[in-house]
C-alpha atoms as a PDB file:
ATOM      1  CA  MET A   1     285.858 111.111 167.413  1.00  0.00           C
ATOM      2  CA  ALA A   2     285.510 111.251 171.222  1.00  0.00           C
ATOM      3  CA  GLY A   3     289.088 109.311 171.225  1.00  0.00           C
ATOM      4  CA  ALA A   4     290.862 112.569 169.333  1.00  0.00           C
ATOM      5  CA  ALA A   5     289.199 115.157 172.095  1.00  0.00           C
ATOM      6  CA  VAL A   6     290.059 112.838 174.853  1.00  0.00           C
ATOM      7  CA  LEU A   7     293.756 112.710 173.778  1.00  0.00           C
ATOM      8  CA  SER A   8     293.513 116.651 173.593  1.00  0.00           C
ATOM      9  CA  ALA A   9     292.156 117.449 176.993  1.00  0.00           C
ATOM     10  CA  LYS A  10     294.025 114.745 178.830  1.00  0.00           C
ATOM     11  CA  ALA A  11     297.237 116.598 177.059  1.00  0.00           C
ATOM     12  CA  ALA A  12     295.251 119.345 178.458  1.00  0.00           C
ATOM     13  CA  TYR A  13     295.310 118.442 181.907  1.00  0.00           C
ATOM     14  CA  LYS A  14     299.033 117.321 181.696  1.00  0.00           C
ATOM     15  CA  SER A  15     300.219 120.790 180.709  1.00  0.00           C
ATOM     16  CA  GLY A  16     298.181 122.346 183.326  1.00  0.00           C
ATOM     17  CA  ALA A  17     295.233 123.113 182.731  1.00  0.00           C
ATOM     18  CA  GLY A  18     292.834 123.822 185.829  1.00  0.00           C
ATOM     19  CA  LEU A  19     289.395 122.795 184.249  1.00  0.00           C
ATOM     20  CA  VAL A  20     288.977 121.718 180.558  1.00  0.00           C
ATOM     21  CA  LYS A  21     285.420 121.786 178.898  1.00  0.00           C
ATOM     22  CA  ILE A  22     284.566 119.545 175.668  1.00  0.00           C
ATOM     23  CA  ILE A  23     282.129 120.751 173.119  1.00  0.00           C
ATOM     24  CA  THR A  24     281.047 117.299 171.508  1.00  0.00           C
ATOM     25  CA  PRO A  25     278.059 115.734 170.031  1.00  0.00           C
ATOM     26  CA  GLU A  26     276.052 113.943 172.234  1.00  0.00           C
ATOM     27  CA  CYS A  27     276.808 110.341 170.778  1.00  0.00           C
ATOM     28  CA  ASN A  28     280.358 111.290 172.545  1.00  0.00           C
ATOM     29  CA  ARG A  29     278.841 111.523 175.793  1.00  0.00           C
ATOM     30  CA  SER A  30     279.463 108.226 177.931  1.00  0.00           C
ATOM     31  CA  ILE A  31     282.817 107.464 175.815  1.00  0.00           C
ATOM     32  CA  ILE A  32     283.941 110.835 177.101  1.00  0.00           C
ATOM     33  CA  GLN A  33     282.530 110.744 180.399  1.00  0.00           C
ATOM     34  CA  GLY A  34     283.663 107.575 181.297  1.00  0.00           C
ATOM     35  CA  ALA A  35     287.764 108.406 180.226  1.00  0.00           C
ATOM     36  CA  LEU A  36     287.677 111.690 181.820  1.00  0.00           C
ATOM     37  CA  PRO A  37     284.298 112.115 184.517  1.00  0.00           C
ATOM     38  CA  GLU A  38     286.470 115.335 185.923  1.00  0.00           C
ATOM     39  CA  ALA A  39     285.992 117.456 182.336  1.00  0.00           C
ATOM     40  CA  LEU A  40     282.684 119.403 182.031  1.00  0.00           C
ATOM     41  CA  LEU A  41     281.005 118.530 179.094  1.00  0.00           C
ATOM     42  CA  CYS A  42     278.907 120.372 176.328  1.00  0.00           C
ATOM     43  CA  THR A  43     276.633 119.013 173.887  1.00  0.00           C
ATOM     44  CA  ASP A  44     273.701 121.165 173.368  1.00  0.00           C
ATOM     45  CA  ILE A  45     275.270 123.765 170.575  1.00  0.00           C
ATOM     46  CA  ALA A  46     272.189 124.965 168.343  1.00  0.00           C
ATOM     47  CA  SER A  47     273.698 128.068 167.311  1.00  0.00           C
ATOM     48  CA  ALA A  48     276.716 130.647 166.883  1.00  0.00           C
ATOM     49  CA  LYS A  49     275.860 132.537 170.323  1.00  0.00           C
ATOM     50  CA  ALA A  50     275.348 129.541 171.987  1.00  0.00           C
ATOM     51  CA  LEU A  51     278.818 128.725 171.309  1.00  0.00           C
ATOM     52  CA  GLU A  52     280.268 131.930 172.146  1.00  0.00           C
ATOM     53  CA  THR A  53     278.536 131.501 175.182  1.00  0.00           C
ATOM     54  CA  GLU A  54     280.386 128.111 176.191  1.00  0.00           C
ATOM     55  CA  LEU A  55     283.583 129.414 174.757  1.00  0.00           C
ATOM     56  CA  ASP A  56     283.682 132.986 176.269  1.00  0.00           C
ATOM     57  CA  TRP A  57     285.373 131.700 180.035  1.00  0.00           C
ATOM     58  CA  ALA A  58     288.200 130.295 178.306  1.00  0.00           C
ATOM     59  CA  ASP A  59     291.613 131.402 178.356  1.00  0.00           C
ATOM     60  CA  ALA A  60     292.948 129.053 175.161  1.00  0.00           C
ATOM     61  CA  VAL A  61     290.711 127.080 172.853  1.00  0.00           C
ATOM     62  CA  VAL A  62     291.622 123.885 171.409  1.00  0.00           C
ATOM     63  CA  ILE A  63     289.902 123.165 167.626  1.00  0.00           C
ATOM     64  CA  GLY A  64     290.212 120.214 165.832  1.00  0.00           C
ATOM     65  CA  PRO A  65     290.718 117.033 167.163  1.00  0.00           C
ATOM     66  CA  GLY A  66     288.126 114.911 165.839  1.00  0.00           C
ATOM     67  CA  LEU A  67     285.984 118.044 163.801  1.00  0.00           C
ATOM     68  CA  SER A  68     283.988 117.435 161.287  1.00  0.00           C
ATOM     69  CA  LYS A  69     283.665 118.688 158.015  1.00  0.00           C
ATOM     70  CA  SER A  70     279.918 120.465 159.030  1.00  0.00           C
ATOM     71  CA  ASP A  71     278.598 123.526 157.964  1.00  0.00           C
ATOM     72  CA  ASN A  72     278.966 124.292 162.389  1.00  0.00           C
ATOM     73  CA  ALA A  73     282.510 122.945 162.263  1.00  0.00           C
ATOM     74  CA  LYS A  74     283.170 125.555 159.222  1.00  0.00           C
ATOM     75  CA  MET A  75     281.742 128.239 160.930  1.00  0.00           C
ATOM     76  CA  LEU A  76     283.638 127.301 164.455  1.00  0.00           C
ATOM     77  CA  VAL A  77     286.940 127.436 162.607  1.00  0.00           C
ATOM     78  CA  LYS A  78     286.175 130.760 160.842  1.00  0.00           C
ATOM     79  CA  GLN A  79     285.131 132.690 163.629  1.00  0.00           C
ATOM     80  CA  TYR A  80     287.568 131.594 166.356  1.00  0.00           C
END
């Protein structure tokens, strides 16, 4: 679901976000980096603590576009 993340990130930039970080599975890396080389990309989230570390810097978080129904996805939605 890399396309959903790309569209959301482009919308964030158009809305004035100075920096966008996309947290996505490794399989989406080349698609997203090709479409948005300026975005930060994180593909290694192994725990809730790692996710918290990646999100702590953000003023706003978008959750959902392209999100799976995995246990990690459910944890993410419950926590944030």
